[in-house]
């Protein structure tokens, strides 16, 4: 990916995605996540690109997102729920969240899809899951979390704070120790 934007959070360096990283993210979506549903030409959707860049900038504001988990939660929810593009918003949220974790040397624990399903069921109630053989367990978890966020009204009603807390709790459960 491109040259990262660096910041510090509680004395630790945080690496943020930038406009330069989006091309690789879009390519990842096209090659790995477009088997079942077409993805838009993100760059051509200028208003959506502007909003996405705004999210990538806003996540750097420690006053609003004071912890790493708050930042990961914000990226996943804001991109997913923002509906910046004609299609592919959930997949974009997934790829950006994974990229943010990877840029910062973090990953999800090596749980099985079943273990991730149990945690998502615990947080959100019974959730329908579809398995894709090409997904890693970590992709399975974040993809289904993206689906849940997109349809959050089914799981938390209109309680946006509850949604943020549950996604935050998922990341707290799933992030591997450094």
Protein backbone atom coordinates (compact mmCIF):
# COMPACT_ATOMS: atom_id res chain seq x y z
CA UNK A 1 0.00 0.00 0.00
CA UNK A 2 1.03 3.64 -0.19
CA UNK A 3 2.85 5.85 2.27
CA UNK A 4 0.94 5.59 5.55
CA UNK A 5 -0.15 8.45 7.74
CA UNK A 6 1.28 8.13 11.23
CA UNK A 7 -0.09 9.30 14.54
CA UNK A 8 0.31 8.54 18.22
CA UNK A 9 -2.33 7.21 20.59
CA UNK A 10 -1.51 6.92 24.28
CA UNK A 11 2.19 6.93 23.43
CA UNK A 12 1.90 4.21 20.77
CA UNK A 13 2.27 4.81 17.08
CA UNK A 14 -0.87 4.28 14.98
CA UNK A 15 -0.71 3.85 11.21
CA UNK A 16 -3.67 5.21 9.27
CA UNK A 17 -4.79 4.38 5.77
CA UNK A 18 -4.63 7.18 3.21
CA UNK A 19 -5.96 7.91 -0.27
CA UNK A 20 -2.88 6.13 -1.66
CA UNK A 21 -3.94 2.90 0.04
CA UNK A 22 -7.42 2.85 -1.45
CA UNK A 23 -6.35 1.57 -4.87
CA UNK A 24 -5.01 -1.59 -3.32
CA UNK A 25 -8.12 -1.92 -1.15
CA UNK A 26 -10.36 -1.58 -4.21
CA UNK A 27 -8.26 -4.14 -6.07
CA UNK A 28 -8.55 -6.57 -3.14
CA UNK A 29 -12.32 -6.23 -3.22
CA UNK A 30 -12.39 -6.77 -6.99
CA UNK A 31 -10.20 -9.87 -6.93
CA UNK A 32 -11.26 -11.50 -3.68
CA UNK A 33 -14.77 -10.32 -2.79
CA UNK A 34 -16.53 -9.81 -6.11
CA UNK A 35 -17.30 -13.41 -6.98
CA UNK A 36 -20.98 -13.21 -6.10
CA UNK A 37 -21.80 -9.58 -6.56
CA UNK A 38 -20.34 -6.84 -8.72
CA UNK A 39 -18.47 -3.97 -7.13
CA UNK A 40 -18.65 -0.39 -8.32
CA UNK A 41 -15.85 1.67 -9.80
CA UNK A 42 -15.31 3.38 -6.48
CA UNK A 43 -13.03 6.12 -7.81
CA UNK A 44 -15.65 7.21 -10.35
CA UNK A 45 -18.19 7.78 -7.60
CA UNK A 46 -16.74 11.13 -6.59
CA UNK A 47 -19.17 12.03 -3.77
CA UNK A 48 -18.59 8.62 -2.17
CA UNK A 49 -14.83 9.00 -2.46
CA UNK A 50 -15.03 12.35 -0.70
CA UNK A 51 -17.03 10.84 2.16
CA UNK A 52 -14.66 7.87 2.43
CA UNK A 53 -11.66 10.19 2.60
CA UNK A 54 -13.48 12.13 5.33
CA UNK A 55 -13.83 8.92 7.37
CA UNK A 56 -10.13 8.15 6.91
CA UNK A 57 -9.33 11.64 8.18
CA UNK A 58 -11.83 11.68 11.04
CA UNK A 59 -10.63 8.34 12.47
CA UNK A 60 -7.37 10.10 13.32
CA UNK A 61 -9.14 12.38 15.82
CA UNK A 62 -8.24 10.94 19.21
CA UNK A 63 -10.77 13.18 20.92
CA UNK A 64 -13.62 11.24 19.25
CA UNK A 65 -11.88 7.86 18.96
CA UNK A 66 -9.59 7.62 21.98
CA UNK A 67 -8.59 3.95 21.69
CA UNK A 68 -7.47 1.65 18.92
CA UNK A 69 -10.68 -0.37 19.32
CA UNK A 70 -12.74 2.83 19.00
CA UNK A 71 -10.95 3.58 15.74
CA UNK A 72 -11.48 0.08 14.30
CA UNK A 73 -15.13 0.22 15.36
CA UNK A 74 -15.62 3.63 13.74
CA UNK A 75 -14.06 2.53 10.44
CA UNK A 76 -16.22 -0.58 10.17
CA UNK A 77 -19.48 1.14 11.10
CA UNK A 78 -18.99 4.48 9.32
CA UNK A 79 -18.03 2.97 5.97
CA UNK A 80 -20.69 0.27 6.20
CA UNK A 81 -23.58 2.46 7.35
CA UNK A 82 -22.51 5.51 5.33
CA UNK A 83 -23.59 3.94 2.03
CA UNK A 84 -21.08 6.13 0.23
CA UNK A 85 -21.14 4.01 -2.93
CA UNK A 86 -23.77 2.41 -5.14
CA UNK A 87 -22.68 -1.06 -3.98
CA UNK A 88 -19.87 -2.79 -2.11
CA UNK A 89 -20.03 -0.74 1.09
CA UNK A 90 -20.01 -3.77 3.43
CA UNK A 91 -17.08 -5.31 1.56
CA UNK A 92 -15.23 -2.00 1.59
CA UNK A 93 -15.77 -1.72 5.36
CA UNK A 94 -14.39 -5.26 5.75
CA UNK A 95 -11.27 -4.58 3.67
CA UNK A 96 -10.56 -1.20 5.28
CA UNK A 97 -10.94 -2.69 8.78
CA UNK A 98 -8.60 -5.57 7.92
CA UNK A 99 -6.12 -3.13 6.36
CA UNK A 100 -6.20 -0.90 9.43
CA UNK A 101 -5.52 -3.88 11.67
CA UNK A 102 -2.71 -5.17 9.44
CA UNK A 103 -1.08 -1.72 9.12
CA UNK A 104 -0.87 -1.68 12.88
CA UNK A 105 0.51 -5.17 13.27
CA UNK A 106 -2.75 -6.50 14.65
CA UNK A 107 -4.86 -9.43 13.60
CA UNK A 108 -7.86 -11.39 14.73
CA UNK A 109 -7.36 -14.48 16.84
CA UNK A 110 -7.27 -17.81 15.07
CA UNK A 111 -10.72 -18.93 16.11
CA UNK A 112 -12.81 -21.23 13.96
CA UNK A 113 -15.81 -19.82 12.10
CA UNK A 114 -17.96 -21.64 14.68
CA UNK A 115 -16.27 -19.84 17.56
CA UNK A 116 -16.72 -16.49 15.82
CA UNK A 117 -20.36 -17.35 15.14
CA UNK A 118 -20.90 -18.10 18.84
CA UNK A 119 -19.50 -14.72 19.83
CA UNK A 120 -21.56 -12.85 17.22
CA UNK A 121 -24.68 -14.74 18.37
CA UNK A 122 -23.84 -13.83 21.97
CA UNK A 123 -23.52 -10.15 21.08
CA UNK A 124 -26.37 -9.78 18.59
CA UNK A 125 -28.71 -12.71 19.10
CA UNK A 126 -29.17 -15.50 16.59
CA UNK A 127 -27.63 -14.51 13.30
CA UNK A 128 -27.84 -16.29 9.97
CA UNK A 129 -24.42 -17.15 8.55
CA UNK A 130 -23.31 -18.18 5.12
CA UNK A 131 -19.96 -19.88 4.71
CA UNK A 132 -17.67 -19.10 1.82
CA UNK A 133 -14.95 -21.71 1.43
CA UNK A 134 -12.43 -19.11 0.26
CA UNK A 135 -12.81 -16.97 3.41
CA UNK A 136 -10.39 -17.34 6.28
CA UNK A 137 -12.08 -17.58 9.68
CA UNK A 138 -11.08 -13.95 10.29
CA UNK A 139 -12.66 -12.82 7.01
CA UNK A 140 -15.72 -14.90 7.87
CA UNK A 141 -16.01 -13.06 11.20
CA UNK A 142 -15.58 -9.54 9.82
CA UNK A 143 -17.76 -10.21 6.77
CA UNK A 144 -20.62 -11.37 8.97
CA UNK A 145 -20.05 -8.50 11.37
CA UNK A 146 -20.36 -6.19 8.35
CA UNK A 147 -23.66 -7.86 7.42
CA UNK A 148 -24.90 -7.41 10.98
CA UNK A 149 -23.90 -3.73 11.01
CA UNK A 150 -25.70 -3.16 7.70
CA UNK A 151 -28.89 -4.62 9.17
CA UNK A 152 -28.30 -3.43 12.72
CA UNK A 153 -31.95 -2.42 13.14
CA UNK A 154 -32.73 -6.15 13.40
CA UNK A 155 -30.28 -6.60 16.26
CA UNK A 156 -30.21 -3.35 18.25
CA UNK A 157 -33.15 -1.40 16.84
CA UNK A 158 -32.26 2.25 16.43
CA UNK A 159 -29.80 2.22 19.33
CA UNK A 160 -26.61 3.38 17.60
CA UNK A 161 -24.68 3.46 20.88
CA UNK A 162 -25.55 -0.19 21.48
CA UNK A 163 -24.31 -1.04 17.98
CA UNK A 164 -21.01 0.75 18.60
CA UNK A 165 -20.58 -1.00 21.94
CA UNK A 166 -21.28 -4.45 20.51
CA UNK A 167 -18.85 -3.95 17.61
CA UNK A 168 -16.28 -2.62 20.07
CA UNK A 169 -16.87 -5.69 22.27
CA UNK A 170 -16.39 -7.93 19.25
CA UNK A 171 -13.02 -6.33 18.49
CA UNK A 172 -12.03 -6.61 22.16
CA UNK A 173 -12.82 -10.34 22.01
CA UNK A 174 -11.29 -11.01 18.61
CA UNK A 175 -8.06 -9.02 18.52
CA UNK A 176 -4.97 -11.12 19.13
CA UNK A 177 -2.63 -9.98 21.87
CA UNK A 178 0.48 -8.25 20.70
